[in-house]
Amino acid sequence: MDNHDSTNQATPDSALPDSVAPSSDQSLRTISSAELFHGAREVLIQHDEKTYRLQVTRNGKLILVK
């Protein structure tokens, strides 16, 4: 994902104190599902020390499973 402009990256929520929520006017990084999945029906997402599975259903919806 090197082709994304670094100015379009928001601060990760984990880097913010609990009392600070990102405001709606901040620029958020947007990734298309086509770019994320690269033609696959599921991807694995590593978050901290846990692995999550993001799946595309038959109806085109997304499901995130721990």
N, C-alpha and C. Protein backbone atom coordinates (compact mmCIF):
# COMPACT_ATOMS: atom_id res chain seq x y z
N MET A 1 0.82 -1.17 0.00
CA MET A 1 0.00 0.00 0.00
C MET A 1 0.87 1.24 0.00
N ASP A 2 1.95 1.14 -0.73
CA ASP A 2 2.91 2.22 -0.82
C ASP A 2 2.37 3.40 -1.60
N ASN A 3 1.35 3.19 -2.44
CA ASN A 3 0.88 4.23 -3.31
C ASN A 3 -0.05 5.23 -2.64
N HIS A 4 -0.29 5.09 -1.35
CA HIS A 4 -1.16 6.03 -0.64
C HIS A 4 -0.35 7.23 -0.19
N ASP A 5 -0.93 8.38 -0.31
CA ASP A 5 -0.33 9.62 0.13
C ASP A 5 -0.23 9.63 1.65
N SER A 6 0.94 9.90 2.17
CA SER A 6 1.14 9.84 3.62
C SER A 6 0.32 10.91 4.34
N THR A 7 -0.07 11.98 3.64
CA THR A 7 -0.88 13.00 4.29
C THR A 7 -2.32 12.55 4.47
N ASN A 8 -2.70 11.43 3.86
CA ASN A 8 -4.06 10.92 3.95
C ASN A 8 -4.21 9.87 5.05
N GLN A 9 -3.20 9.72 5.89
CA GLN A 9 -3.26 8.72 6.95
C GLN A 9 -3.65 9.39 8.26
N ALA A 10 -4.68 8.86 8.89
CA ALA A 10 -5.13 9.37 10.18
C ALA A 10 -4.37 8.66 11.29
N THR A 11 -4.37 9.27 12.46
CA THR A 11 -3.75 8.65 13.62
C THR A 11 -4.55 7.42 14.01
N PRO A 12 -3.90 6.27 14.20
CA PRO A 12 -4.64 5.08 14.62
C PRO A 12 -5.34 5.31 15.95
N ASP A 13 -6.55 4.75 16.10
CA ASP A 13 -7.31 4.91 17.34
C ASP A 13 -6.51 4.44 18.54
N SER A 14 -5.69 3.40 18.38
CA SER A 14 -4.92 2.87 19.50
C SER A 14 -3.87 3.86 20.00
N ALA A 15 -3.52 4.85 19.18
CA ALA A 15 -2.53 5.84 19.57
C ALA A 15 -3.17 7.02 20.30
N LEU A 16 -4.50 7.06 20.35
CA LEU A 16 -5.20 8.15 21.00
C LEU A 16 -5.59 7.77 22.42
N PRO A 17 -5.56 8.72 23.34
CA PRO A 17 -6.05 8.44 24.69
C PRO A 17 -7.53 8.08 24.62
N ASP A 18 -8.02 7.32 25.60
CA ASP A 18 -9.42 6.89 25.62
C ASP A 18 -10.38 8.07 25.58
N SER A 19 -9.98 9.20 26.15
CA SER A 19 -10.87 10.35 26.20
C SER A 19 -10.92 11.13 24.89
N VAL A 20 -10.08 10.77 23.92
CA VAL A 20 -10.03 11.50 22.65
C VAL A 20 -10.54 10.58 21.55
N ALA A 21 -11.61 10.97 20.92
CA ALA A 21 -12.14 10.21 19.77
C ALA A 21 -11.85 11.00 18.51
N PRO A 22 -11.53 10.33 17.39
CA PRO A 22 -11.28 11.06 16.16
C PRO A 22 -12.53 11.82 15.73
N SER A 23 -12.33 13.06 15.30
CA SER A 23 -13.48 13.85 14.86
C SER A 23 -13.83 13.51 13.42
N SER A 24 -15.06 13.79 13.04
CA SER A 24 -15.54 13.42 11.71
C SER A 24 -14.87 14.24 10.62
N ASP A 25 -14.24 15.37 10.96
CA ASP A 25 -13.62 16.19 9.92
C ASP A 25 -12.17 15.78 9.64
N GLN A 26 -11.63 14.82 10.38
CA GLN A 26 -10.27 14.35 10.11
C GLN A 26 -10.26 13.52 8.84
N SER A 27 -9.18 13.59 8.12
CA SER A 27 -9.03 12.79 6.91
C SER A 27 -8.71 11.35 7.31
N LEU A 28 -9.55 10.42 6.87
CA LEU A 28 -9.35 9.01 7.18
C LEU A 28 -8.83 8.29 5.95
N ARG A 29 -7.94 7.38 6.13
CA ARG A 29 -7.42 6.56 5.04
C ARG A 29 -8.52 5.61 4.58
N THR A 30 -8.80 5.58 3.29
CA THR A 30 -9.83 4.71 2.72
C THR A 30 -9.18 3.67 1.83
N ILE A 31 -9.54 2.40 2.05
CA ILE A 31 -9.03 1.29 1.25
C ILE A 31 -10.23 0.60 0.63
N SER A 32 -10.23 0.45 -0.69
CA SER A 32 -11.35 -0.24 -1.33
C SER A 32 -11.27 -1.73 -1.00
N SER A 33 -12.44 -2.37 -0.96
CA SER A 33 -12.45 -3.80 -0.67
C SER A 33 -11.72 -4.58 -1.77
N ALA A 34 -11.79 -4.10 -3.01
CA ALA A 34 -11.08 -4.77 -4.11
C ALA A 34 -9.58 -4.75 -3.87
N GLU A 35 -9.07 -3.62 -3.38
CA GLU A 35 -7.64 -3.50 -3.07
C GLU A 35 -7.27 -4.39 -1.88
N LEU A 36 -8.15 -4.46 -0.90
CA LEU A 36 -7.88 -5.24 0.30
C LEU A 36 -7.91 -6.74 0.02
N PHE A 37 -8.91 -7.19 -0.73
CA PHE A 37 -9.08 -8.63 -0.96
C PHE A 37 -8.30 -9.17 -2.16
N HIS A 38 -7.96 -8.33 -3.13
CA HIS A 38 -7.23 -8.78 -4.32
C HIS A 38 -7.86 -10.02 -4.96
N GLY A 39 -9.19 -10.03 -5.08
CA GLY A 39 -9.89 -11.13 -5.73
C GLY A 39 -10.23 -12.30 -4.82
N ALA A 40 -9.73 -12.31 -3.60
CA ALA A 40 -10.02 -13.39 -2.65
C ALA A 40 -11.37 -13.12 -1.97
N ARG A 41 -11.90 -14.10 -1.27
CA ARG A 41 -13.15 -13.96 -0.53
C ARG A 41 -12.92 -13.69 0.96
N GLU A 42 -11.68 -13.84 1.40
CA GLU A 42 -11.37 -13.57 2.81
C GLU A 42 -9.92 -13.15 2.97
N VAL A 43 -9.67 -12.38 4.01
CA VAL A 43 -8.31 -11.97 4.37
C VAL A 43 -8.16 -12.13 5.88
N LEU A 44 -6.94 -12.29 6.31
CA LEU A 44 -6.64 -12.35 7.74
C LEU A 44 -6.07 -11.00 8.16
N ILE A 45 -6.51 -10.52 9.31
CA ILE A 45 -6.05 -9.24 9.83
C ILE A 45 -5.40 -9.50 11.18
N GLN A 46 -4.15 -9.12 11.31
CA GLN A 46 -3.42 -9.26 12.57
C GLN A 46 -3.59 -7.97 13.36
N HIS A 47 -4.15 -8.06 14.56
CA HIS A 47 -4.33 -6.90 15.43
C HIS A 47 -3.81 -7.27 16.80
N ASP A 48 -2.80 -6.53 17.25
CA ASP A 48 -2.07 -6.89 18.46
C ASP A 48 -1.59 -8.34 18.30
N GLU A 49 -1.98 -9.22 19.18
CA GLU A 49 -1.54 -10.60 19.06
C GLU A 49 -2.67 -11.53 18.63
N LYS A 50 -3.75 -10.95 18.13
CA LYS A 50 -4.90 -11.74 17.69
C LYS A 50 -5.03 -11.68 16.17
N THR A 51 -5.59 -12.75 15.59
CA THR A 51 -5.84 -12.80 14.17
C THR A 51 -7.33 -12.83 13.93
N TYR A 52 -7.80 -11.96 13.06
CA TYR A 52 -9.21 -11.87 12.71
C TYR A 52 -9.36 -12.25 11.24
N ARG A 53 -10.52 -12.78 10.88
CA ARG A 53 -10.81 -13.16 9.50
C ARG A 53 -11.93 -12.24 8.99
N LEU A 54 -11.64 -11.53 7.89
CA LEU A 54 -12.64 -10.68 7.25
C LEU A 54 -13.10 -11.40 6.00
N GLN A 55 -14.41 -11.70 5.93
CA GLN A 55 -14.96 -12.51 4.84
C GLN A 55 -16.02 -11.73 4.07
N VAL A 56 -16.10 -12.00 2.76
CA VAL A 56 -17.18 -11.49 1.93
C VAL A 56 -18.22 -12.60 1.83
N THR A 57 -19.47 -12.29 2.18
CA THR A 57 -20.54 -13.29 2.12
C THR A 57 -21.05 -13.44 0.68
N ARG A 58 -21.91 -14.43 0.47
CA ARG A 58 -22.52 -14.63 -0.85
C ARG A 58 -23.32 -13.41 -1.29
N ASN A 59 -23.85 -12.68 -0.32
CA ASN A 59 -24.65 -11.48 -0.62
C ASN A 59 -23.81 -10.22 -0.75
N GLY A 60 -22.47 -10.37 -0.67
CA GLY A 60 -21.58 -9.22 -0.81
C GLY A 60 -21.40 -8.40 0.44
N LYS A 61 -21.82 -8.91 1.57
CA LYS A 61 -21.64 -8.21 2.86
C LYS A 61 -20.31 -8.65 3.46
N LEU A 62 -19.82 -7.88 4.44
CA LEU A 62 -18.57 -8.21 5.12
C LEU A 62 -18.86 -8.73 6.52
N ILE A 63 -18.11 -9.77 6.91
CA ILE A 63 -18.20 -10.33 8.27
C ILE A 63 -16.79 -10.39 8.83
N LEU A 64 -16.63 -9.88 10.04
CA LEU A 64 -15.36 -9.95 10.75
C LEU A 64 -15.49 -10.97 11.87
N VAL A 65 -14.64 -12.00 11.85
CA VAL A 65 -14.70 -13.10 12.83
C VAL A 65 -13.39 -13.14 13.60
N LYS A 66 -13.50 -13.27 14.91
CA LYS A 66 -12.32 -13.36 15.77
C LYS A 66 -11.79 -14.77 15.76
